């Protein structure tokens, strides 16, 4: 297998703040998932207006996260993601950077929740072949930090070759699919880490 392109490491607090905007997060995830799309197509997919999407896409372009793609029909030029994933780094001790990082995580989680709800709302209209292979799983593990690191890297190595923006060998019938993985210590309602 060819070496996969790296994720973009995000260090800049202003870029983190820009990514914490829910619509920008949704647009970037959408373009990464489905490939080049016009602002109008993005608007339909994320539930906004074409003009609003166009403005936010231009903002993402200023940070080098999206760019214009060649138009097939010579009319409105589509946008495409320039990155195949983002790396926010470890949650920072600096309160300004931490707040910006958590804003990005919050926007991403909200987008993931919305995608999950849309999937559940569309079950009756979904092709039975796709409905039967979709999965919503959760696990309660008991691991050390080192084991969790290994597990996270193993999951990434398994999933990453299928990322839409990377994959060049997708067979006919392949569709964009959302996969979300979260791994963190369980915290009791009281705020105490479970032992």
Protein backbone atom coordinates (compact mmCIF):
# COMPACT_ATOMS: atom_id res chain seq x y z
CA UNK A 1 0.00 0.00 0.00
CA UNK A 2 1.26 3.48 -0.84
CA UNK A 3 2.07 5.82 2.01
CA UNK A 4 -0.99 7.80 3.00
CA UNK A 5 -0.79 11.59 3.04
CA UNK A 6 -0.41 13.07 6.50
CA UNK A 7 -3.07 15.00 8.35
CA UNK A 8 -2.59 18.75 8.56
CA UNK A 9 -1.27 19.65 12.00
CA UNK A 10 -3.25 22.65 13.25
CA UNK A 11 -1.21 24.87 15.55
CA UNK A 12 -2.67 28.30 14.77
CA UNK A 13 -5.29 29.46 17.28
CA UNK A 14 -7.04 31.60 14.65
CA UNK A 15 -7.38 28.57 12.38
CA UNK A 16 -8.73 26.54 15.30
CA UNK A 17 -11.29 29.26 15.97
CA UNK A 18 -12.27 29.29 12.30
CA UNK A 19 -12.75 25.52 12.38
CA UNK A 20 -14.92 25.71 15.48
CA UNK A 21 -17.70 27.34 13.44
CA UNK A 22 -20.37 24.63 12.96
CA UNK A 23 -21.01 25.41 9.29
CA UNK A 24 -17.32 25.47 8.41
CA UNK A 25 -16.84 22.17 10.20
CA UNK A 26 -19.77 20.65 8.31
CA UNK A 27 -18.52 22.02 4.97
CA UNK A 28 -15.02 20.70 5.45
CA UNK A 29 -16.29 17.27 6.52
CA UNK A 30 -18.67 17.22 3.55
CA UNK A 31 -16.01 18.07 0.97
CA UNK A 32 -13.60 15.57 2.48
CA UNK A 33 -16.29 12.92 2.30
CA UNK A 34 -17.80 13.42 -1.14
CA UNK A 35 -15.18 15.31 -3.13
CA UNK A 36 -15.53 18.55 -5.11
CA UNK A 37 -18.90 20.28 -4.83
CA UNK A 38 -20.27 23.71 -5.68
CA UNK A 39 -21.47 26.06 -2.97
CA UNK A 40 -25.05 25.26 -4.03
CA UNK A 41 -24.46 21.53 -3.69
CA UNK A 42 -22.82 22.09 -0.30
CA UNK A 43 -25.77 24.21 0.82
CA UNK A 44 -28.20 21.40 0.05
CA UNK A 45 -26.03 18.87 1.88
CA UNK A 46 -25.45 20.91 5.05
CA UNK A 47 -28.76 22.77 5.25
CA UNK A 48 -27.66 26.32 4.51
CA UNK A 49 -27.81 28.80 1.64
CA UNK A 50 -25.44 28.87 -1.30
CA UNK A 51 -24.32 32.42 -0.49
CA UNK A 52 -23.63 31.55 3.15
CA UNK A 53 -21.71 28.42 2.14
CA UNK A 54 -19.76 30.38 -0.45
CA UNK A 55 -18.68 32.93 2.17
CA UNK A 56 -17.59 30.23 4.63
CA UNK A 57 -15.81 28.27 1.90
CA UNK A 58 -13.82 31.40 1.05
CA UNK A 59 -12.89 31.67 4.74
CA UNK A 60 -11.69 28.05 4.74
CA UNK A 61 -9.73 28.77 1.55
CA UNK A 62 -7.88 31.62 3.29
CA UNK A 63 -6.53 29.01 5.72
CA UNK A 64 -5.58 26.62 2.92
CA UNK A 65 -8.15 23.98 3.85
CA UNK A 66 -10.20 24.15 0.64
CA UNK A 67 -9.56 25.37 -2.89
CA UNK A 68 -11.37 25.85 -6.15
CA UNK A 69 -11.48 22.82 -8.42
CA UNK A 70 -11.86 22.84 -12.19
CA UNK A 71 -15.46 23.02 -13.35
CA UNK A 72 -16.61 20.26 -15.67
CA UNK A 73 -19.26 22.36 -17.38
CA UNK A 74 -17.63 25.79 -17.25
CA UNK A 75 -20.25 27.27 -14.95
CA UNK A 76 -19.91 27.50 -11.18
CA UNK A 77 -16.56 26.13 -10.07
CA UNK A 78 -16.69 23.56 -7.29
CA UNK A 79 -14.68 23.59 -4.10
CA UNK A 80 -12.55 20.71 -2.87
CA UNK A 81 -10.83 19.88 0.40
CA UNK A 82 -7.06 20.26 0.37
CA UNK A 83 -6.50 18.17 3.49
CA UNK A 84 -7.26 14.54 4.23
CA UNK A 85 -7.64 15.05 7.94
CA UNK A 86 -6.67 17.40 10.72
CA UNK A 87 -4.46 16.79 13.73
CA UNK A 88 -5.26 19.12 16.61
CA UNK A 89 -2.43 17.78 18.74
CA UNK A 90 -2.73 17.09 22.45
CA UNK A 91 -5.22 19.23 24.32
CA UNK A 92 -3.09 22.21 25.31
CA UNK A 93 -2.42 23.59 28.79
CA UNK A 94 -2.66 27.16 27.46
CA UNK A 95 -6.30 28.19 28.13
CA UNK A 96 -6.66 30.16 24.87
CA UNK A 97 -5.41 27.32 22.69
CA UNK A 98 -7.34 24.73 24.72
CA UNK A 99 -10.60 26.68 24.28
CA UNK A 100 -9.98 26.87 20.53
CA UNK A 101 -9.19 23.13 20.34
CA UNK A 102 -12.31 22.25 22.33
CA UNK A 103 -14.36 24.47 20.02
CA UNK A 104 -13.20 22.40 17.03
CA UNK A 105 -13.97 19.17 18.87
CA UNK A 106 -17.42 20.47 19.83
CA UNK A 107 -18.25 21.46 16.25
CA UNK A 108 -17.06 18.08 14.99
CA UNK A 109 -19.13 16.20 17.59
CA UNK A 110 -22.21 18.27 16.74
CA UNK A 111 -21.71 17.46 13.05
CA UNK A 112 -21.33 13.77 13.89
CA UNK A 113 -24.51 13.82 15.98
CA UNK A 114 -26.42 15.49 13.15
CA UNK A 115 -25.16 12.92 10.62
CA UNK A 116 -26.20 10.10 12.95
CA UNK A 117 -29.67 11.58 13.40
CA UNK A 118 -30.10 12.07 9.65
CA UNK A 119 -29.17 8.43 9.13
CA UNK A 120 -31.70 7.28 11.73
CA UNK A 121 -34.40 9.53 10.24
CA UNK A 122 -33.83 8.07 6.77
CA UNK A 123 -33.91 4.36 7.67
CA UNK A 124 -37.22 3.76 5.87
CA UNK A 125 -35.86 5.20 2.62
CA UNK A 126 -32.42 3.60 2.80
CA UNK A 127 -31.50 0.70 0.53
CA UNK A 128 -31.82 -2.49 2.64
CA UNK A 129 -28.29 -3.54 1.66
CA UNK A 130 -26.90 -0.35 3.23
CA UNK A 131 -29.27 -0.51 6.19
CA UNK A 132 -28.10 -4.03 7.05
CA UNK A 133 -24.38 -3.15 7.07
CA UNK A 134 -24.54 0.10 9.01
CA UNK A 135 -23.44 -0.21 12.60
CA UNK A 136 -23.73 1.80 15.77
CA UNK A 137 -21.49 0.13 18.32
CA UNK A 138 -20.06 1.16 21.64
CA UNK A 139 -17.66 -0.67 23.90
CA UNK A 140 -16.51 -0.29 27.47
CA UNK A 141 -12.86 -1.23 27.58
CA UNK A 142 -10.33 -1.59 30.39
CA UNK A 143 -6.94 -0.53 29.04
CA UNK A 144 -3.76 1.30 29.95
CA UNK A 145 -2.81 4.57 28.21
CA UNK A 146 -0.26 2.63 26.13
CA UNK A 147 -2.86 0.06 25.07
CA UNK A 148 -5.33 2.79 24.13
CA UNK A 149 -2.64 4.47 22.04
CA UNK A 150 -1.93 1.20 20.22
CA UNK A 151 -5.64 0.57 19.70
CA UNK A 152 -6.23 4.08 18.31
CA UNK A 153 -3.28 3.71 15.92
CA UNK A 154 -4.51 0.27 14.81
CA UNK A 155 -8.02 1.60 14.11
CA UNK A 156 -6.56 4.53 12.18
CA UNK A 157 -4.37 2.20 10.12
CA UNK A 158 -7.39 0.05 9.32
CA UNK A 159 -9.78 2.89 8.43
CA UNK A 160 -7.56 5.55 6.87
CA UNK A 161 -7.00 3.83 3.47
CA UNK A 162 -10.77 4.09 2.89
CA UNK A 163 -10.94 7.87 3.48
CA UNK A 164 -12.79 9.32 0.50
CA UNK A 165 -10.24 12.03 -0.23
CA UNK A 166 -7.41 9.48 -0.31
CA UNK A 167 -8.97 6.43 -1.91
CA UNK A 168 -8.35 6.05 -5.62
CA UNK A 169 -9.47 2.43 -6.03
CA UNK A 170 -13.10 2.64 -4.86
CA UNK A 171 -15.17 0.04 -6.70
CA UNK A 172 -18.49 0.83 -8.39
CA UNK A 173 -21.25 1.16 -5.82
CA UNK A 174 -18.98 2.63 -3.15
CA UNK A 175 -20.67 5.48 -1.28
CA UNK A 176 -19.51 8.02 1.30
CA UNK A 177 -19.87 6.51 4.77
CA UNK A 178 -19.36 8.24 8.11
CA UNK A 179 -17.21 6.46 10.70
CA UNK A 180 -16.67 8.14 14.06
CA UNK A 181 -14.47 6.70 16.77
CA UNK A 182 -14.12 8.18 20.23
CA UNK A 183 -11.78 6.82 22.89
CA UNK A 184 -11.44 8.49 26.27
CA UNK A 185 -11.47 7.66 29.99
CA UNK A 186 -14.96 7.28 31.43
CA UNK A 187 -15.85 10.05 33.87
CA UNK A 188 -18.52 9.60 36.53
CA UNK A 189 -21.40 12.06 36.77
CA UNK A 190 -19.64 13.59 39.77
CA UNK A 191 -16.65 14.47 37.54
CA UNK A 192 -14.38 11.81 39.03
CA UNK A 193 -12.48 9.48 36.71
CA UNK A 194 -13.79 5.94 36.99
CA UNK A 195 -11.31 3.39 38.30
